[in-house]
C-alpha atoms as a PDB file:
ATOM      1  CA  MET A   1     -20.335  -9.056  -6.361  1.00  0.00           C
ATOM      2  CA  SER A   2     -16.673  -7.491  -5.450  1.00  0.00           C
ATOM      3  CA  LEU A   3     -12.946  -8.043  -5.299  1.00  0.00           C
ATOM      4  CA  GLU A   4     -11.131  -8.343  -1.215  1.00  0.00           C
ATOM      5  CA  VAL A   5      -7.770  -6.795  -2.115  1.00  0.00           C
ATOM      6  CA  SER A   6      -5.645  -6.838   1.603  1.00  0.00           C
ATOM      7  CA  VAL A   7      -2.236  -5.575   1.440  1.00  0.00           C
ATOM      8  CA  ILE A   8      -0.335  -7.045   3.951  1.00  0.00           C
ATOM      9  CA  GLY A   9       2.954  -5.316   4.302  1.00  0.00           C
ATOM     10  CA  ALA A  10       6.018  -5.617   2.824  1.00  0.00           C
ATOM     11  CA  THR A  11      10.043  -6.224   3.365  1.00  0.00           C
ATOM     12  CA  ASN A  12      12.971  -4.568   2.476  1.00  0.00           C
ATOM     13  CA  VAL A  13      11.336  -1.244   0.714  1.00  0.00           C
ATOM     14  CA  PRO A  14      14.295   0.578  -0.994  1.00  0.00           C
ATOM     15  CA  ASN A  15      14.700   4.579   0.543  1.00  0.00           C
ATOM     16  CA  PRO A  16      15.568   6.996  -1.540  1.00  0.00           C
ATOM     17  CA  GLU A  17      16.180   9.740   0.673  1.00  0.00           C
ATOM     18  CA  THR A  18      19.717  10.943   1.241  1.00  0.00           C
ATOM     19  CA  PHE A  19      18.557  12.130   4.575  1.00  0.00           C
ATOM     20  CA  GLY A  20      15.859  10.031   6.669  1.00  0.00           C
ATOM     21  CA  LYS A  21      13.516   6.911   5.282  1.00  0.00           C
ATOM     22  CA  SER A  22      11.317   6.497   2.722  1.00  0.00           C
ATOM     23  CA  ASP A  23       7.056   6.963   4.316  1.00  0.00           C
ATOM     24  CA  PRO A  24       6.246   3.795   1.702  1.00  0.00           C
ATOM     25  CA  TYR A  25       2.254   3.705   0.714  1.00  0.00           C
ATOM     26  CA  ALA A  26       1.109   1.005  -1.883  1.00  0.00           C
ATOM     27  CA  VAL A  27      -1.574   1.901  -4.266  1.00  0.00           C
ATOM     28  CA  LEU A  28      -4.112  -0.979  -5.851  1.00  0.00           C
ATOM     29  CA  GLU A  29      -5.743   0.334  -9.282  1.00  0.00           C
ATOM     30  CA  PHE A  30      -8.821  -1.537 -10.514  1.00  0.00           C
ATOM     31  CA  GLN A  31     -10.949  -1.367 -13.703  1.00  0.00           C
ATOM     32  CA  GLY A  32      -9.942   2.545 -13.247  1.00  0.00           C
ATOM     33  CA  PHE A  33      -9.991   2.849  -9.549  1.00  0.00           C
ATOM     34  CA  ARG A  34      -7.730   3.373  -7.472  1.00  0.00           C
ATOM     35  CA  LYS A  35      -6.671   2.666  -3.364  1.00  0.00           C
ATOM     36  CA  LYS A  36      -4.308   3.750  -1.380  1.00  0.00           C
ATOM     37  CA  THR A  37      -3.672   1.817   2.201  1.00  0.00           C
ATOM     38  CA  GLU A  38      -2.288   4.838   4.842  1.00  0.00           C
ATOM     39  CA  VAL A  39       1.272   5.897   5.036  1.00  0.00           C
ATOM     40  CA  LYS A  40       3.850   4.671   7.132  1.00  0.00           C
ATOM     41  CA  LYS A  41       6.374   6.780   7.932  1.00  0.00           C
ATOM     42  CA  GLY A  42      10.074   6.045   7.573  1.00  0.00           C
ATOM     43  CA  ASP A  43       9.316   2.403   8.285  1.00  0.00           C
ATOM     44  CA  LEU A  44      11.007   0.068   5.217  1.00  0.00           C
ATOM     45  CA  ASN A  45       9.445  -3.131   6.872  1.00  0.00           C
ATOM     46  CA  PRO A  46       5.801  -1.806   6.685  1.00  0.00           C
ATOM     47  CA  LYS A  47       2.707  -3.605   8.419  1.00  0.00           C
ATOM     48  CA  TRP A  48      -0.521  -2.285   6.425  1.00  0.00           C
ATOM     49  CA  ASN A  49      -3.134  -5.248   7.283  1.00  0.00           C
ATOM     50  CA  GLU A  50      -5.753  -3.067   5.608  1.00  0.00           C
ATOM     51  CA  THR A  51      -8.108  -4.349   2.889  1.00  0.00           C
ATOM     52  CA  PHE A  52     -10.317  -3.103  -0.046  1.00  0.00           C
ATOM     53  CA  GLU A  53     -12.558  -3.527  -1.265  1.00  0.00           C
ATOM     54  CA  PHE A  54     -13.870  -3.383  -5.671  1.00  0.00           C
ATOM     55  CA  GLN A  55     -17.031  -3.707  -7.537  1.00  0.00           C
ATOM     56  CA  LEU A  56     -16.990  -5.561 -10.558  1.00  0.00           C
ATOM     57  CA  ALA A  57     -18.389  -5.000 -12.949  1.00  0.00           C
END
């Protein structure tokens, strides 16, 4: 059995950079396992459309 999580996107990501824009990504953690989306360079409204699978114990 597994859990599927879809990361669609984000809007208005805060920009902590003094010069340029952030390079956002999303991190998912579940039962000690960690997954990460692709980095979206300079995009404060990133669209990932990525799906991750976690195995259930």
